[in-house]
Amino acid sequence: VPILTGKFTDEDYQAFYEKTLEPLIITLGQGFSKCLFSL
């Protein structure tokens, strides 16, 4: 709810980052690297 309303603390954002954003960021990095570079 704090992330949804924009009234979040640093701790709220840290939890949102680790739970939701970080796995997505890892997916993006590995997916792009796997395709754009040779072995």
All heavy atoms as atom14 arrays in JSON, in Angstrom:
{
  "sequence": "VPILTGKFTDEDYQAFYEKTLEPLIITLGQGFSKCLFSL",
  "atom14_mask": [
    [1, 1, 1, 1, 1, 1, 1, 0, 0, 0, 0, 0, 0, 0],
    [1, 1, 1, 1, 1, 1, 1, 0, 0, 0, 0, 0, 0, 0],
    [1, 1, 1, 1, 1, 1, 1, 1, 0, 0, 0, 0, 0, 0],
    [1, 1, 1, 1, 1, 1, 1, 1, 0, 0, 0, 0, 0, 0],
    [1, 1, 1, 1, 1, 1, 1, 0, 0, 0, 0, 0, 0, 0],
    [1, 1, 1, 1, 0, 0, 0, 0, 0, 0, 0, 0, 0, 0],
    [1, 1, 1, 1, 1, 1, 1, 1, 1, 0, 0, 0, 0, 0],
    [1, 1, 1, 1, 1, 1, 1, 1, 1, 1, 1, 0, 0, 0],
    [1, 1, 1, 1, 1, 1, 1, 0, 0, 0, 0, 0, 0, 0],
    [1, 1, 1, 1, 1, 1, 1, 1, 0, 0, 0, 0, 0, 0],
    [1, 1, 1, 1, 1, 1, 1, 1, 1, 0, 0, 0, 0, 0],
    [1, 1, 1, 1, 1, 1, 1, 1, 0, 0, 0, 0, 0, 0],
    [1, 1, 1, 1, 1, 1, 1, 1, 1, 1, 1, 1, 0, 0],
    [1, 1, 1, 1, 1, 1, 1, 1, 1, 0, 0, 0, 0, 0],
    [1, 1, 1, 1, 1, 0, 0, 0, 0, 0, 0, 0, 0, 0],
    [1, 1, 1, 1, 1, 1, 1, 1, 1, 1, 1, 0, 0, 0],
    [1, 1, 1, 1, 1, 1, 1, 1, 1, 1, 1, 1, 0, 0],
    [1, 1, 1, 1, 1, 1, 1, 1, 1, 0, 0, 0, 0, 0],
    [1, 1, 1, 1, 1, 1, 1, 1, 1, 0, 0, 0, 0, 0],
    [1, 1, 1, 1, 1, 1, 1, 0, 0, 0, 0, 0, 0, 0],
    [1, 1, 1, 1, 1, 1, 1, 1, 0, 0, 0, 0, 0, 0],
    [1, 1, 1, 1, 1, 1, 1, 1, 1, 0, 0, 0, 0, 0],
    [1, 1, 1, 1, 1, 1, 1, 0, 0, 0, 0, 0, 0, 0],
    [1, 1, 1, 1, 1, 1, 1, 1, 0, 0, 0, 0, 0, 0],
    [1, 1, 1, 1, 1, 1, 1, 1, 0, 0, 0, 0, 0, 0],
    [1, 1, 1, 1, 1, 1, 1, 1, 0, 0, 0, 0, 0, 0],
    [1, 1, 1, 1, 1, 1, 1, 0, 0, 0, 0, 0, 0, 0],
    [1, 1, 1, 1, 1, 1, 1, 1, 0, 0, 0, 0, 0, 0],
    [1, 1, 1, 1, 0, 0, 0, 0, 0, 0, 0, 0, 0, 0],
    [1, 1, 1, 1, 1, 1, 1, 1, 1, 0, 0, 0, 0, 0],
    [1, 1, 1, 1, 0, 0, 0, 0, 0, 0, 0, 0, 0, 0],
    [1, 1, 1, 1, 1, 1, 1, 1, 1, 1, 1, 0, 0, 0],
    [1, 1, 1, 1, 1, 1, 0, 0, 0, 0, 0, 0, 0, 0],
    [1, 1, 1, 1, 1, 1, 1, 1, 1, 0, 0, 0, 0, 0],
    [1, 1, 1, 1, 1, 1, 0, 0, 0, 0, 0, 0, 0, 0],
    [1, 1, 1, 1, 1, 1, 1, 1, 0, 0, 0, 0, 0, 0],
    [1, 1, 1, 1, 1, 1, 1, 1, 1, 1, 1, 0, 0, 0],
    [1, 1, 1, 1, 1, 1, 0, 0, 0, 0, 0, 0, 0, 0],
    [1, 1, 1, 1, 1, 1, 1, 1, 0, 0, 0, 0, 0, 0]
  ],
  "atom14_positions": [
    [[0.82, -1.21, 0.0], [0.0, 0.0, 0.0], [0.86, 1.27, 0.0], [0.58, 2.21, -0.76], [-0.98, -0.01, 1.2], [-1.71, 1.33, 1.32], [-1.98, -1.14, 1.06], [0.0, 0.0, 0.0], [0.0, 0.0, 0.0], [0.0, 0.0, 0.0], [0.0, 0.0, 0.0], [0.0, 0.0, 0.0], [0.0, 0.0, 0.0], [0.0, 0.0, 0.0]],
    [[1.93, 1.35, 0.82], [2.76, 2.56, 0.75], [3.38, 2.8, -0.62], [3.47, 3.94, -1.07], [3.85, 2.29, 1.81], [3.23, 1.34, 2.77], [2.35, 0.47, 1.93], [0.0, 0.0, 0.0], [0.0, 0.0, 0.0], [0.0, 0.0, 0.0], [0.0, 0.0, 0.0], [0.0, 0.0, 0.0], [0.0, 0.0, 0.0], [0.0, 0.0, 0.0]],
    [[3.78, 1.74, -1.31], [4.33, 1.89, -2.66], [3.24, 2.35, -3.61], [3.46, 3.21, -4.49], [4.94, 0.56, -3.14], [6.14, 0.16, -2.27], [5.36, 0.65, -4.6], [7.32, 1.11, -2.36], [0.0, 0.0, 0.0], [0.0, 0.0, 0.0], [0.0, 0.0, 0.0], [0.0, 0.0, 0.0], [0.0, 0.0, 0.0], [0.0, 0.0, 0.0]],
    [[2.03, 1.83, -3.44], [0.91, 2.19, -4.31], [0.54, 3.66, -4.16], [0.25, 4.35, -5.14], [-0.3, 1.3, -4.0], [-1.52, 1.44, -4.91], [-1.21, 0.92, -6.3], [-2.71, 0.7, -4.32], [0.0, 0.0, 0.0], [0.0, 0.0, 0.0], [0.0, 0.0, 0.0], [0.0, 0.0, 0.0], [0.0, 0.0, 0.0], [0.0, 0.0, 0.0]],
    [[0.55, 4.15, -2.91], [0.15, 5.54, -2.66], [1.31, 6.52, -2.81], [1.09, 7.73, -2.88], [-0.43, 5.67, -1.24], [0.56, 5.27, -0.28], [-1.67, 4.81, -1.09], [0.0, 0.0, 0.0], [0.0, 0.0, 0.0], [0.0, 0.0, 0.0], [0.0, 0.0, 0.0], [0.0, 0.0, 0.0], [0.0, 0.0, 0.0], [0.0, 0.0, 0.0]],
    [[2.54, 6.0, -2.85], [3.7, 6.87, -2.95], [4.18, 7.42, -1.62], [5.1, 8.24, -1.58], [0.0, 0.0, 0.0], [0.0, 0.0, 0.0], [0.0, 0.0, 0.0], [0.0, 0.0, 0.0], [0.0, 0.0, 0.0], [0.0, 0.0, 0.0], [0.0, 0.0, 0.0], [0.0, 0.0, 0.0], [0.0, 0.0, 0.0], [0.0, 0.0, 0.0]],
    [[3.58, 6.97, -0.52], [3.97, 7.45, 0.82], [4.8, 6.37, 1.52], [4.43, 5.86, 2.57], [2.73, 7.79, 1.64], [1.87, 8.89, 1.02], [0.62, 9.16, 1.84], [-0.23, 10.26, 1.21], [-1.47, 10.51, 1.98], [0.0, 0.0, 0.0], [0.0, 0.0, 0.0], [0.0, 0.0, 0.0], [0.0, 0.0, 0.0], [0.0, 0.0, 0.0]],
    [[5.93, 6.02, 0.91], [6.73, 4.92, 1.43], [7.99, 5.43, 2.12], [8.5, 6.51, 1.81], [7.11, 3.94, 0.32], [7.74, 4.59, -0.89], [9.09, 4.88, -0.92], [6.97, 4.92, -2.0], [9.68, 5.47, -2.03], [7.53, 5.51, -3.11], [8.89, 5.78, -3.12], [0.0, 0.0, 0.0], [0.0, 0.0, 0.0], [0.0, 0.0, 0.0]],
    [[8.49, 4.63, 3.05], [9.76, 4.91, 3.71], [10.87, 4.19, 2.96], [10.62, 3.41, 2.03], [9.72, 4.42, 5.16], [9.55, 2.99, 5.16], [8.56, 5.06, 5.93], [0.0, 0.0, 0.0], [0.0, 0.0, 0.0], [0.0, 0.0, 0.0], [0.0, 0.0, 0.0], [0.0, 0.0, 0.0], [0.0, 0.0, 0.0], [0.0, 0.0, 0.0]],
    [[12.11, 4.43, 3.37], [13.23, 3.72, 2.76], [13.1, 2.22, 2.95], [13.44, 1.43, 2.07], [14.55, 4.21, 3.36], [14.89, 5.62, 2.9], [14.42, 6.01, 1.81], [15.61, 6.32, 3.62], [0.0, 0.0, 0.0], [0.0, 0.0, 0.0], [0.0, 0.0, 0.0], [0.0, 0.0, 0.0], [0.0, 0.0, 0.0], [0.0, 0.0, 0.0]],
    [[12.59, 1.82, 4.13], [12.42, 0.39, 4.4], [11.34, -0.22, 3.51], [11.48, -1.35, 3.03], [12.06, 0.19, 5.88], [13.19, 0.45, 6.86], [13.51, 1.93, 7.01], [12.62, 2.77, 6.69], [14.65, 2.25, 7.41], [0.0, 0.0, 0.0], [0.0, 0.0, 0.0], [0.0, 0.0, 0.0], [0.0, 0.0, 0.0], [0.0, 0.0, 0.0]],
    [[10.26, 0.52, 3.28], [9.19, 0.05, 2.39], [9.73, -0.17, 0.98], [9.45, -1.19, 0.33], [8.03, 1.05, 2.33], [7.28, 1.16, 3.64], [7.22, 0.16, 4.37], [6.77, 2.25, 3.94], [0.0, 0.0, 0.0], [0.0, 0.0, 0.0], [0.0, 0.0, 0.0], [0.0, 0.0, 0.0], [0.0, 0.0, 0.0], [0.0, 0.0, 0.0]],
    [[10.51, 0.8, 0.5], [11.04, 0.69, -0.86], [12.07, -0.43, -0.95], [12.13, -1.14, -1.97], [11.66, 2.01, -1.32], [12.01, 1.99, -2.8], [11.06, 2.38, -3.74], [13.25, 1.55, -3.23], [11.36, 2.34, -5.1], [13.55, 1.51, -4.59], [12.61, 1.91, -5.51], [12.9, 1.85, -6.85], [0.0, 0.0, 0.0], [0.0, 0.0, 0.0]],
    [[12.88, -0.59, 0.09], [13.88, -1.67, 0.08], [13.2, -3.03, -0.03], [13.64, -3.91, -0.78], [14.72, -1.6, 1.35], [15.89, -2.58, 1.39], [16.97, -2.22, 0.4], [17.1, -1.06, 0.02], [17.73, -3.2, -0.04], [0.0, 0.0, 0.0], [0.0, 0.0, 0.0], [0.0, 0.0, 0.0], [0.0, 0.0, 0.0], [0.0, 0.0, 0.0]],
    [[12.09, -3.21, 0.71], [11.35, -4.47, 0.64], [10.75, -4.67, -0.75], [10.78, -5.77, -1.3], [10.25, -4.49, 1.71], [0.0, 0.0, 0.0], [0.0, 0.0, 0.0], [0.0, 0.0, 0.0], [0.0, 0.0, 0.0], [0.0, 0.0, 0.0], [0.0, 0.0, 0.0], [0.0, 0.0, 0.0], [0.0, 0.0, 0.0], [0.0, 0.0, 0.0]],
    [[10.19, -3.61, -1.32], [9.62, -3.67, -2.68], [10.7, -4.0, -3.7], [10.49, -4.81, -4.61], [8.96, -2.31, -2.99], [8.49, -2.16, -4.41], [7.56, -3.03, -4.96], [8.97, -1.12, -5.19], [7.13, -2.88, -6.26], [8.54, -0.96, -6.5], [7.62, -1.84, -7.04], [0.0, 0.0, 0.0], [0.0, 0.0, 0.0], [0.0, 0.0, 0.0]],
    [[11.86, -3.39, -3.53], [12.98, -3.63, -4.46], [13.42, -5.09, -4.4], [13.56, -5.76, -5.43], [14.14, -2.7, -4.13], [15.37, -2.98, -4.96], [15.48, -2.49, -6.26], [16.42, -3.75, -4.46], [16.6, -2.75, -7.03], [17.54, -4.01, -5.23], [17.63, -3.51, -6.51], [18.72, -3.79, -7.28], [0.0, 0.0, 0.0], [0.0, 0.0, 0.0]],
    [[13.63, -5.61, -3.2], [14.15, -6.97, -3.06], [13.12, -8.02, -3.46], [13.48, -9.05, -4.03], [14.62, -7.2, -1.62], [15.84, -6.36, -1.25], [16.3, -6.6, 0.18], [15.68, -7.46, 0.86], [17.27, -5.96, 0.61], [0.0, 0.0, 0.0], [0.0, 0.0, 0.0], [0.0, 0.0, 0.0], [0.0, 0.0, 0.0], [0.0, 0.0, 0.0]],
    [[11.85, -7.76, -3.18], [10.81, -8.77, -3.48], [10.37, -8.75, -4.94], [10.19, -9.79, -5.56], [9.6, -8.53, -2.57], [8.41, -9.44, -2.87], [7.26, -9.14, -1.94], [6.01, -9.93, -2.32], [6.2, -11.37, -2.36], [0.0, 0.0, 0.0], [0.0, 0.0, 0.0], [0.0, 0.0, 0.0], [0.0, 0.0, 0.0], [0.0, 0.0, 0.0]],
    [[10.22, -7.55, -5.52], [9.58, -7.42, -6.84], [10.54, -6.97, -7.93], [10.57, -7.56, -9.02], [8.4, -6.44, -6.75], [7.51, -6.89, -5.72], [7.65, -6.37, -8.07], [0.0, 0.0, 0.0], [0.0, 0.0, 0.0], [0.0, 0.0, 0.0], [0.0, 0.0, 0.0], [0.0, 0.0, 0.0], [0.0, 0.0, 0.0], [0.0, 0.0, 0.0]],
    [[11.32, -5.94, -7.67], [12.15, -5.35, -8.72], [13.43, -6.13, -8.97], [13.82, -6.33, -10.13], [12.49, -3.9, -8.38], [11.32, -2.92, -8.24], [11.84, -1.52, -7.97], [10.45, -2.94, -9.48], [0.0, 0.0, 0.0], [0.0, 0.0, 0.0], [0.0, 0.0, 0.0], [0.0, 0.0, 0.0], [0.0, 0.0, 0.0], [0.0, 0.0, 0.0]],
    [[14.09, -6.56, -7.92], [15.4, -7.2, -8.1], [15.34, -8.47, -8.95], [16.17, -8.65, -9.85], [16.03, -7.5, -6.74], [17.49, -7.93, -6.83], [18.15, -8.05, -5.48], [17.44, -8.34, -4.49], [19.38, -7.87, -5.4], [0.0, 0.0, 0.0], [0.0, 0.0, 0.0], [0.0, 0.0, 0.0], [0.0, 0.0, 0.0], [0.0, 0.0, 0.0]],
    [[14.37, -9.39, -8.73], [14.29, -10.55, -9.63], [14.06, -10.15, -11.09], [14.59, -10.8, -11.99], [13.08, -11.33, -9.08], [12.96, -10.9, -7.66], [13.37, -9.47, -7.64], [0.0, 0.0, 0.0], [0.0, 0.0, 0.0], [0.0, 0.0, 0.0], [0.0, 0.0, 0.0], [0.0, 0.0, 0.0], [0.0, 0.0, 0.0], [0.0, 0.0, 0.0]],
    [[13.29, -9.08, -11.3], [13.03, -8.61, -12.65], [14.29, -8.03, -13.28], [14.57, -8.25, -14.46], [11.92, -7.56, -12.61], [11.24, -7.16, -13.9], [10.78, -8.38, -14.7], [10.06, -6.23, -13.61], [0.0, 0.0, 0.0], [0.0, 0.0, 0.0], [0.0, 0.0, 0.0], [0.0, 0.0, 0.0], [0.0, 0.0, 0.0], [0.0, 0.0, 0.0]],
    [[15.07, -7.31, -12.49], [16.33, -6.74, -12.98], [17.32, -7.84, -13.35], [18.01, -7.76, -14.37], [16.92, -5.8, -11.91], [16.03, -4.56, -11.75], [18.34, -5.37, -12.28], [16.4, -3.68, -10.57], [0.0, 0.0, 0.0], [0.0, 0.0, 0.0], [0.0, 0.0, 0.0], [0.0, 0.0, 0.0], [0.0, 0.0, 0.0], [0.0, 0.0, 0.0]],
    [[17.37, -8.89, -12.54], [18.25, -10.03, -12.84], [17.8, -10.71, -14.14], [18.63, -11.07, -14.99], [18.25, -11.03, -11.67], [18.92, -10.39, -10.44], [18.98, -12.32, -12.05], [18.8, -11.23, -9.18], [0.0, 0.0, 0.0], [0.0, 0.0, 0.0], [0.0, 0.0, 0.0], [0.0, 0.0, 0.0], [0.0, 0.0, 0.0], [0.0, 0.0, 0.0]],
    [[16.48, -10.87, -14.31], [15.94, -11.47, -15.53], [16.34, -10.66, -16.76], [16.76, -11.22, -17.78], [14.41, -11.56, -15.43], [14.06, -12.43, -14.36], [13.82, -12.11, -16.72], [0.0, 0.0, 0.0], [0.0, 0.0, 0.0], [0.0, 0.0, 0.0], [0.0, 0.0, 0.0], [0.0, 0.0, 0.0], [0.0, 0.0, 0.0], [0.0, 0.0, 0.0]],
    [[16.21, -9.34, -16.67], [16.57, -8.48, -17.79], [18.05, -8.61, -18.13], [18.42, -8.8, -19.3], [16.25, -7.02, -17.46], [14.77, -6.63, -17.4], [14.6, -5.26, -16.76], [14.14, -6.66, -18.78], [0.0, 0.0, 0.0], [0.0, 0.0, 0.0], [0.0, 0.0, 0.0], [0.0, 0.0, 0.0], [0.0, 0.0, 0.0], [0.0, 0.0, 0.0]],
    [[18.91, -8.54, -17.13], [20.35, -8.6, -17.37], [20.78, -9.91, -18.0], [21.54, -9.94, -18.98], [0.0, 0.0, 0.0], [0.0, 0.0, 0.0], [0.0, 0.0, 0.0], [0.0, 0.0, 0.0], [0.0, 0.0, 0.0], [0.0, 0.0, 0.0], [0.0, 0.0, 0.0], [0.0, 0.0, 0.0], [0.0, 0.0, 0.0], [0.0, 0.0, 0.0]],
    [[20.3, -11.03, -17.44], [20.71, -12.33, -17.96], [20.11, -12.61, -19.33], [20.76, -13.2, -20.19], [20.29, -13.42, -16.96], [21.06, -13.35, -15.65], [20.64, -14.42, -14.66], [19.67, -15.15, -14.88], [21.38, -14.53, -13.57], [0.0, 0.0, 0.0], [0.0, 0.0, 0.0], [0.0, 0.0, 0.0], [0.0, 0.0, 0.0], [0.0, 0.0, 0.0]],
    [[18.85, -12.18, -19.56], [18.22, -12.4, -20.85], [18.91, -11.64, -21.97], [19.15, -12.19, -23.05], [0.0, 0.0, 0.0], [0.0, 0.0, 0.0], [0.0, 0.0, 0.0], [0.0, 0.0, 0.0], [0.0, 0.0, 0.0], [0.0, 0.0, 0.0], [0.0, 0.0, 0.0], [0.0, 0.0, 0.0], [0.0, 0.0, 0.0], [0.0, 0.0, 0.0]],
    [[19.25, -10.38, -21.73], [19.95, -9.57, -22.73], [21.36, -10.11, -22.98], [21.81, -10.2, -24.12], [20.0, -8.11, -22.29], [18.79, -7.32, -22.67], [17.57, -7.55, -22.05], [18.86, -6.33, -23.64], [16.44, -6.81, -22.39], [17.74, -5.59, -23.99], [16.52, -5.83, -23.36], [0.0, 0.0, 0.0], [0.0, 0.0, 0.0], [0.0, 0.0, 0.0]],
    [[22.07, -10.45, -21.91], [23.45, -10.93, -22.05], [23.51, -12.24, -22.83], [24.37, -12.42, -23.69], [24.08, -11.11, -20.66], [24.1, -9.9, -19.94], [0.0, 0.0, 0.0], [0.0, 0.0, 0.0], [0.0, 0.0, 0.0], [0.0, 0.0, 0.0], [0.0, 0.0, 0.0], [0.0, 0.0, 0.0], [0.0, 0.0, 0.0], [0.0, 0.0, 0.0]],
    [[22.58, -13.14, -22.54], [22.57, -14.45, -23.2], [22.41, -14.33, -24.71], [23.01, -15.09, -25.47], [21.44, -15.29, -22.61], [21.21, -16.64, -23.27], [20.09, -17.38, -22.58], [19.77, -18.69, -23.27], [19.17, -18.5, -24.59], [0.0, 0.0, 0.0], [0.0, 0.0, 0.0], [0.0, 0.0, 0.0], [0.0, 0.0, 0.0], [0.0, 0.0, 0.0]],
    [[21.6, -13.35, -25.14], [21.31, -13.21, -26.57], [22.35, -12.36, -27.3], [22.73, -12.68, -28.43], [19.92, -12.61, -26.77], [19.47, -12.32, -28.49], [0.0, 0.0, 0.0], [0.0, 0.0, 0.0], [0.0, 0.0, 0.0], [0.0, 0.0, 0.0], [0.0, 0.0, 0.0], [0.0, 0.0, 0.0], [0.0, 0.0, 0.0], [0.0, 0.0, 0.0]],
    [[22.8, -11.29, -26.68], [23.63, -10.31, -27.38], [25.11, -10.71, -27.48], [25.84, -10.15, -28.31], [23.52, -8.94, -26.71], [22.13, -8.29, -26.72], [22.17, -6.94, -26.02], [21.6, -8.13, -28.14], [0.0, 0.0, 0.0], [0.0, 0.0, 0.0], [0.0, 0.0, 0.0], [0.0, 0.0, 0.0], [0.0, 0.0, 0.0], [0.0, 0.0, 0.0]],
    [[25.55, -11.67, -26.66], [26.97, -12.02, -26.66], [27.16, -13.5, -26.97], [26.35, -14.35, -26.58], [27.61, -11.71, -25.3], [27.51, -10.26, -24.92], [26.79, -9.87, -23.8], [28.12, -9.27, -25.68], [26.68, -8.55, -23.44], [28.03, -7.93, -25.32], [27.3, -7.57, -24.21], [0.0, 0.0, 0.0], [0.0, 0.0, 0.0], [0.0, 0.0, 0.0]],
    [[28.25, -13.78, -27.67], [28.61, -15.18, -27.94], [29.21, -15.79, -26.67], [29.5, -15.09, -25.69], [29.63, -15.23, -29.08], [30.85, -14.6, -28.68], [0.0, 0.0, 0.0], [0.0, 0.0, 0.0], [0.0, 0.0, 0.0], [0.0, 0.0, 0.0], [0.0, 0.0, 0.0], [0.0, 0.0, 0.0], [0.0, 0.0, 0.0], [0.0, 0.0, 0.0]],
    [[29.4, -17.11, -26.7], [29.98, -17.78, -25.54], [31.38, -17.24, -25.24], [31.77, -17.08, -24.08], [30.03, -19.3, -25.79], [28.68, -20.01, -25.86], [28.89, -21.49, -26.17], [27.91, -19.84, -24.55], [0.0, 0.0, 0.0], [0.0, 0.0, 0.0], [0.0, 0.0, 0.0], [0.0, 0.0, 0.0], [0.0, 0.0, 0.0], [0.0, 0.0, 0.0]]
  ]
}
